[in-house]
Amino acid sequence: MQDIDQGLTQFQLEPENTKNLKAFVGELNGNIKILEKEFGVKIFQNGNKVSISGNQEDIQKASNAINDLYASTAKGVEISREIIQMAINKNEEIEPEIIAPDGVEYVIKAPKKVIRPRGKNQNDYLAKMSSYEVNFGVGPAGTGKTYLAVAKAVEMLISEKVKKIILIRPAVEAGEKLGFLPGDLSQKVDPYLRPLYDALYEMLGFEQVARLLEKEILEVAPLAYLRGRTLNNSFIIMDESQNTTVDQMKMFLTRMGFGSYAIINGDMTQIDLPKHIESGLKHGLKVLEGVDGIGFTFFSSKDVVRHPLVRKIVDAYEAFEKEKT
C-alpha cells in the first residue's frame, strides 16, 4: 500500500528539442541520477515526457529543478555538475526564488566567456555593481563573490568605463607569515591573489592578461601600497577584506577618486587577524549601514557553487559557532 504522502507526477518539457533533452539528461542519464539521489525520488524520462515518483514535497522540488535545468539548455548553458547543484540548492525551498524582482537577468559578456548569475543573490550582486560605486559582497567561500567582481571589472574595462583594474588583498593569510616567502611585498602577496588571476585567465586568456599587466592597466598590489594614493578611473577589487584592520578598511575606502568603483569582498567566518584586533570588514558594515550610494549583498551557504559538500561544511561550521555564542 502506498504511503499517503507518496505520489506520482507526470509532465512534459517544452518546447521539445532533441539537442536540449540530450544536454539535460547527461551522459548515461548521469544528470537524472544526481537529481534522484539529491531529492530522494525516482525519475523516468522518455523523450520530453517526465514522470517523478516519491514524496509529494520532494516531487515538487525535483520538478522545479528539472524545469530550471531544461530552460537553461535553451539558453545554451552547459549543464555541468555546478549548474545542477545550483538548481538543487535553489529548489530545496518549496517556492523557488525568482532571479530578480524586476525580471532582469544581469549577464556579462567577456571576450572568452558569457557569465550568468547562478541564483538570486548573484543576480542582485551584479545589479548592485551596475548601480553603486561601492559594493560589499559578504558570505562564505564558493559563492562567486570574487568571480563576479572580476567579471564586472572586465566588462567595464572593455567598455572603457574605467581605464584600470586594481586587485588588492591584505597581507594576512590563514596564520602564515609573509616574511618567510621570497621576494618583495608585491611578490609575496601575489600567490594569494590566485583566485583573481584564475578568473581573469578564464575571461580574457593568458596572453591578454599578460599584456594588461605589462601595460599596468591591470595592477596587483598589497593593501599597504595604497597609502597616499588616489585611484581615479579604476575598478578596484579588495578580496579577503575580513583580514583588514579598522584603519586599513578606512584607508582603502578613502582611496577612491573620480570615475572609480570599489568592490569589497569578504567572509566573516574566515578572519585570520589576532583575536584582539577587530576586523575592518565587520566594523565597516556597522558604520556604513544606511549610507547612500553603497550596495550590500549577503550570501549564504545556499549560494555555494563548489562541491555540494562545501555547503554542508559551511552549514556545520555556522551551527557550531552559533552554539558557542
Protein backbone atom coordinates (compact mmCIF):
# COMPACT_ATOMS: atom_id res chain seq x y z
CA MET A 1 0.00 0.00 0.00
CA GLN A 2 1.40 3.40 -0.98
CA ASP A 3 2.02 5.95 1.79
CA ILE A 4 -0.46 8.83 1.76
CA ASP A 5 2.43 11.28 1.25
CA GLN A 6 3.71 9.34 -1.77
CA GLY A 7 2.68 10.31 -5.27
CA LEU A 8 3.39 10.39 -8.97
CA THR A 9 3.70 13.46 -11.17
CA GLN A 10 3.86 13.48 -14.96
CA PHE A 11 4.67 16.45 -17.21
CA GLN A 12 6.30 17.42 -20.49
CA LEU A 13 9.38 19.52 -21.12
CA GLU A 14 8.56 22.27 -23.59
CA PRO A 15 9.50 23.10 -26.25
CA GLU A 16 10.63 19.62 -27.27
CA ASN A 17 14.19 19.76 -28.61
CA THR A 18 16.35 16.67 -29.06
CA LYS A 19 19.64 18.51 -28.54
CA ASN A 20 18.43 20.22 -25.35
CA LEU A 21 16.94 16.97 -24.00
CA LYS A 22 20.26 15.21 -24.53
CA ALA A 23 22.12 18.01 -22.74
CA PHE A 24 19.63 17.93 -19.85
CA VAL A 25 19.73 14.15 -19.34
CA GLY A 26 23.52 13.93 -19.49
CA GLU A 27 25.76 11.04 -20.47
CA LEU A 28 24.23 7.70 -19.39
CA ASN A 29 21.43 9.62 -17.64
CA GLY A 30 24.03 10.99 -15.23
CA ASN A 31 22.22 14.26 -14.53
CA ILE A 32 18.95 12.48 -13.75
CA LYS A 33 20.76 10.12 -11.36
CA ILE A 34 22.16 13.11 -9.45
CA LEU A 35 18.68 14.65 -9.11
CA GLU A 36 17.23 11.31 -7.95
CA LYS A 37 19.86 10.99 -5.25
CA GLU A 38 19.62 14.59 -4.03
CA PHE A 39 15.79 14.76 -3.89
CA GLY A 40 15.12 11.13 -2.92
CA VAL A 41 12.78 10.46 -5.86
CA LYS A 42 12.60 8.20 -8.91
CA ILE A 43 12.65 9.98 -12.28
CA PHE A 44 11.53 8.33 -15.51
CA GLN A 45 12.22 10.18 -18.76
CA ASN A 46 11.16 9.25 -22.29
CA GLY A 47 11.74 12.00 -24.85
CA ASN A 48 10.21 15.15 -23.42
CA LYS A 49 7.88 13.19 -21.10
CA VAL A 50 8.93 13.02 -17.45
CA SER A 51 7.43 11.06 -14.56
CA ILE A 52 8.54 11.51 -10.95
CA SER A 53 7.53 9.29 -8.04
CA GLY A 54 8.20 9.81 -4.35
CA ASN A 55 7.20 12.10 -1.52
CA GLN A 56 4.93 14.89 -2.78
CA GLU A 57 7.12 17.65 -1.39
CA ASP A 58 10.27 16.11 -2.92
CA ILE A 59 8.46 15.64 -6.25
CA GLN A 60 7.67 19.34 -6.42
CA LYS A 61 11.27 20.30 -5.65
CA ALA A 62 12.61 17.88 -8.26
CA SER A 63 10.06 19.11 -10.85
CA ASN A 64 11.14 22.70 -10.30
CA ALA A 65 14.82 21.76 -10.65
CA ILE A 66 14.17 19.76 -13.85
CA ASN A 67 12.27 22.64 -15.45
CA ASP A 68 15.01 25.11 -14.44
CA LEU A 69 17.74 22.91 -15.92
CA TYR A 70 15.84 22.29 -19.15
CA ALA A 71 15.21 26.03 -19.51
CA SER A 72 18.96 26.58 -19.08
CA THR A 73 19.72 24.30 -22.03
CA ALA A 74 17.60 26.56 -24.27
CA LYS A 75 19.90 29.46 -23.30
CA GLY A 76 22.94 27.47 -24.37
CA VAL A 77 24.09 26.83 -20.79
CA GLU A 78 26.22 23.70 -20.37
CA ILE A 79 24.63 21.51 -17.69
CA SER A 80 27.69 20.94 -15.54
CA ARG A 81 27.74 19.45 -12.04
CA GLU A 82 27.99 23.01 -10.77
CA ILE A 83 24.83 24.10 -12.61
CA ILE A 84 22.93 21.06 -11.34
CA GLN A 85 23.94 21.83 -7.76
CA MET A 86 22.72 25.40 -8.10
CA ALA A 87 19.34 24.12 -9.32
CA ILE A 88 19.20 21.74 -6.37
CA ASN A 89 20.11 24.48 -3.89
CA LYS A 90 17.55 26.87 -5.34
CA ASN A 91 14.72 24.35 -5.25
CA GLU A 92 15.25 22.96 -1.79
CA GLU A 93 12.67 25.59 -0.87
CA ILE A 94 9.11 24.71 -1.93
CA GLU A 95 8.71 28.03 -3.71
CA PRO A 96 11.75 28.68 -5.93
CA GLU A 97 13.34 32.09 -5.74
CA ILE A 98 12.80 34.47 -8.63
CA ILE A 99 16.04 35.59 -10.27
CA ALA A 100 15.21 39.27 -9.88
CA PRO A 101 12.21 41.30 -8.72
CA ASP A 102 12.25 43.26 -11.99
CA GLY A 103 12.67 40.08 -14.04
CA VAL A 104 16.05 41.23 -15.39
CA GLU A 105 18.89 38.73 -15.53
CA TYR A 106 22.26 40.54 -15.47
CA VAL A 107 24.56 38.82 -17.95
CA ILE A 108 28.20 39.75 -18.59
CA LYS A 109 29.84 39.00 -21.93
CA ALA A 110 33.60 38.72 -21.54
CA PRO A 111 35.86 38.03 -24.56
CA LYS A 112 36.28 34.35 -23.70
CA LYS A 113 33.08 33.59 -21.80
CA VAL A 114 29.50 34.64 -21.07
CA ILE A 115 28.88 34.92 -17.31
CA ARG A 116 25.37 34.36 -16.00
CA PRO A 117 24.28 34.70 -12.35
CA ARG A 118 23.54 31.43 -10.59
CA GLY A 119 20.76 32.36 -8.22
CA LYS A 120 19.03 35.44 -6.86
CA ASN A 121 21.90 36.73 -4.70
CA GLN A 122 24.40 36.54 -7.55
CA ASN A 123 21.98 38.42 -9.79
CA ASP A 124 21.39 41.04 -7.08
CA TYR A 125 25.16 41.42 -6.67
CA LEU A 126 25.62 42.10 -10.39
CA ALA A 127 22.67 44.50 -10.35
CA LYS A 128 24.14 46.47 -7.44
CA MET A 129 27.55 46.64 -9.10
CA SER A 130 25.75 48.31 -12.01
CA SER A 131 24.04 50.80 -9.68
CA TYR A 132 26.50 51.65 -6.89
CA GLU A 133 30.11 52.84 -6.97
CA VAL A 134 30.96 50.98 -3.75
CA ASN A 135 29.77 47.44 -3.09
CA PHE A 136 30.26 44.92 -0.31
CA GLY A 137 29.93 41.20 -1.07
CA VAL A 138 29.87 39.20 2.16
CA GLY A 139 29.47 35.46 2.54
CA PRO A 140 31.13 32.06 2.65
CA ALA A 141 33.70 30.67 0.24
CA GLY A 142 32.44 29.39 -3.09
CA THR A 143 29.53 31.80 -3.54
CA GLY A 144 31.02 33.55 -6.59
CA LYS A 145 31.86 36.91 -4.97
CA THR A 146 35.36 37.17 -6.43
CA TYR A 147 34.47 35.68 -9.81
CA LEU A 148 31.55 38.06 -10.42
CA ALA A 149 33.54 41.10 -9.27
CA VAL A 150 36.30 40.24 -11.75
CA ALA A 151 33.69 39.72 -14.49
CA LYS A 152 32.23 43.16 -13.83
CA ALA A 153 35.70 44.72 -13.83
CA VAL A 154 36.48 43.13 -17.21
CA GLU A 155 33.17 44.35 -18.66
CA MET A 156 33.81 47.92 -17.51
CA LEU A 157 37.38 47.91 -18.81
CA ILE A 158 36.32 46.64 -22.24
CA SER A 159 33.50 49.20 -22.44
CA GLU A 160 36.06 51.90 -21.45
CA LYS A 161 34.09 52.97 -18.38
CA VAL A 162 37.31 52.53 -16.42
CA LYS A 163 40.96 52.68 -17.51
CA LYS A 164 42.43 50.30 -14.99
CA ILE A 165 41.70 47.22 -12.85
CA ILE A 166 43.39 47.05 -9.45
CA LEU A 167 43.40 43.84 -7.41
CA ILE A 168 44.03 44.24 -3.69
CA ARG A 169 44.41 41.81 -0.82
CA PRO A 170 45.52 42.35 2.79
CA ALA A 171 48.81 40.67 3.62
CA VAL A 172 47.38 38.29 6.23
CA GLU A 173 46.52 34.73 5.32
CA ALA A 174 45.46 31.75 7.43
CA GLY A 175 48.15 32.21 10.05
CA GLU A 176 51.02 32.17 7.54
CA LYS A 177 53.84 34.69 7.77
CA LEU A 178 54.60 36.55 4.55
CA GLY A 179 58.09 37.29 5.77
CA PHE A 180 59.10 33.71 5.09
CA LEU A 181 58.08 33.91 1.43
CA PRO A 182 60.64 35.02 -1.23
CA GLY A 183 60.50 38.39 -3.00
CA ASP A 184 59.29 41.88 -2.17
CA LEU A 185 55.87 42.57 -0.63
CA SER A 186 54.14 42.65 -4.01
CA GLN A 187 55.61 39.27 -4.95
CA LYS A 188 54.77 37.85 -1.53
CA VAL A 189 51.07 38.70 -1.84
CA ASP A 190 50.86 37.60 -5.50
CA PRO A 191 50.19 33.86 -4.79
CA TYR A 192 47.26 34.80 -2.56
CA LEU A 193 45.56 36.56 -5.48
CA ARG A 194 45.42 33.33 -7.46
CA PRO A 195 41.56 33.20 -7.45
CA LEU A 196 41.52 36.63 -9.10
CA TYR A 197 44.11 35.58 -11.69
CA ASP A 198 42.25 32.36 -12.45
CA ALA A 199 39.06 34.31 -13.15
CA LEU A 200 40.92 36.78 -15.39
CA TYR A 201 42.60 33.98 -17.37
CA GLU A 202 39.23 32.31 -17.93
CA MET A 203 37.60 35.52 -19.17
CA LEU A 204 40.44 37.16 -21.10
CA GLY A 205 43.03 34.47 -21.83
CA PHE A 206 46.65 34.25 -20.66
CA GLU A 207 48.13 36.48 -23.37
CA GLN A 208 45.68 39.33 -22.82
CA VAL A 209 46.19 39.26 -19.03
CA ALA A 210 49.97 39.34 -19.56
CA ARG A 211 49.63 42.37 -21.88
CA LEU A 212 47.44 44.22 -19.37
CA LEU A 213 49.96 43.57 -16.59
CA GLU A 214 52.82 44.76 -18.80
CA LYS A 215 50.99 47.99 -19.66
CA GLU A 216 49.99 48.43 -15.99
CA ILE A 217 46.32 48.51 -17.00
CA LEU A 218 45.97 45.57 -14.62
CA GLU A 219 47.69 46.19 -11.29
CA VAL A 220 48.15 43.75 -8.45
CA ALA A 221 49.11 45.30 -5.14
CA PRO A 222 49.16 44.63 -1.40
CA LEU A 223 46.81 46.86 0.56
CA ALA A 224 49.75 48.69 2.14
CA TYR A 225 50.78 50.06 -1.28
CA LEU A 226 47.62 52.19 -1.50
CA ARG A 227 48.53 54.58 1.30
CA GLY A 228 48.84 58.13 -0.02
CA ARG A 229 47.42 57.28 -3.45
CA THR A 230 44.22 58.49 -5.12
CA LEU A 231 42.78 55.97 -7.57
CA ASN A 232 40.92 57.60 -10.47
CA ASN A 233 39.05 55.83 -13.29
CA SER A 234 39.75 52.43 -11.76
CA PHE A 235 37.82 49.31 -10.87
CA ILE A 236 39.27 48.22 -7.54
CA ILE A 237 38.61 44.81 -6.02
CA MET A 238 39.68 44.00 -2.48
CA ASP A 239 39.41 40.30 -1.70
CA GLU A 240 39.52 38.72 1.79
CA SER A 241 38.62 42.07 3.35
CA GLN A 242 37.75 40.39 6.66
CA ASN A 243 41.50 40.44 7.30
CA THR A 244 41.79 44.22 7.22
CA THR A 245 42.03 46.24 10.40
CA VAL A 246 39.61 49.09 11.03
CA ASP A 247 42.25 51.65 9.95
CA GLN A 248 43.11 49.69 6.81
CA MET A 249 39.47 49.49 5.74
CA LYS A 250 39.04 53.24 6.23
CA MET A 251 42.24 53.87 4.30
CA PHE A 252 41.08 51.68 1.41
CA LEU A 253 37.64 53.27 1.17
CA THR A 254 39.11 56.77 1.10
CA ARG A 255 41.50 56.00 -1.81
CA MET A 256 38.69 56.22 -4.37
CA GLY A 257 38.98 59.03 -6.88
CA PHE A 258 36.70 60.24 -9.66
CA GLY A 259 35.29 57.65 -12.04
CA SER A 260 36.27 54.73 -9.81
CA TYR A 261 34.40 51.73 -8.44
CA ALA A 262 35.30 49.69 -5.37
CA ILE A 263 34.31 46.13 -4.53
CA ILE A 264 34.95 44.81 -1.02
CA ASN A 265 34.58 41.04 -0.66
CA GLY A 266 34.95 39.03 2.50
CA ASP A 267 33.88 36.10 4.65
CA MET A 268 33.23 36.84 8.31
CA THR A 269 33.86 33.17 9.22
CA GLN A 270 37.46 33.25 7.96
CA ILE A 271 39.10 36.05 9.94
CA ASP A 272 42.84 35.43 10.38
CA LEU A 273 43.59 38.52 12.48
CA PRO A 274 44.77 38.20 16.08
CA LYS A 275 41.80 37.82 18.47
CA HIS A 276 42.23 41.29 20.00
CA ILE A 277 42.08 43.10 16.62
CA GLU A 278 38.63 43.95 15.22
CA SER A 279 38.01 43.09 11.58
CA GLY A 280 37.76 46.15 9.35
CA LEU A 281 35.00 44.42 7.38
CA LYS A 282 32.90 43.77 10.47
CA HIS A 283 33.38 47.35 11.68
CA GLY A 284 32.76 48.82 8.21
CA LEU A 285 29.45 47.01 7.79
CA LYS A 286 28.20 48.55 11.03
CA VAL A 287 29.49 52.06 10.29
CA LEU A 288 28.33 52.24 6.67
CA GLU A 289 24.89 50.69 7.05
CA GLY A 290 22.34 53.06 5.56
CA VAL A 291 24.88 55.24 3.71
CA ASP A 292 23.50 56.21 0.29
CA GLY A 293 25.50 55.05 -2.71
CA ILE A 294 26.83 51.84 -1.12
CA GLY A 295 25.47 48.40 -2.03
CA PHE A 296 25.49 45.38 0.27
CA THR A 297 24.96 41.77 -0.84
CA PHE A 298 24.96 38.98 1.73
CA PHE A 299 25.48 35.42 0.51
CA SER A 300 24.70 32.21 2.39
CA SER A 301 25.54 28.52 2.06
CA LYS A 302 22.65 28.21 -0.42
CA ASP A 303 24.72 30.25 -2.89
CA VAL A 304 27.78 27.97 -2.76
CA VAL A 305 28.64 26.79 -6.27
CA ARG A 306 31.51 24.45 -5.41
CA HIS A 307 31.29 20.76 -4.50
CA PRO A 308 27.98 20.04 -2.66
CA LEU A 309 29.95 19.02 0.43
CA VAL A 310 31.27 22.59 0.73
CA ARG A 311 27.77 23.82 1.52
CA LYS A 312 27.33 21.16 4.22
CA ILE A 313 30.72 22.08 5.69
CA VAL A 314 29.79 25.78 5.78
CA ASP A 315 26.48 24.95 7.49
CA ALA A 316 28.22 22.74 10.06
CA TYR A 317 30.72 25.46 11.00
CA GLU A 318 28.00 28.12 11.22
CA ALA A 319 25.92 25.88 13.50
CA PHE A 320 28.97 25.19 15.69
CA GLU A 321 29.79 28.89 16.03
CA LYS A 322 26.17 29.68 16.98
CA GLU A 323 26.28 27.05 19.73
CA LYS A 324 29.47 28.60 21.12
CA THR A 325 27.80 32.01 21.43
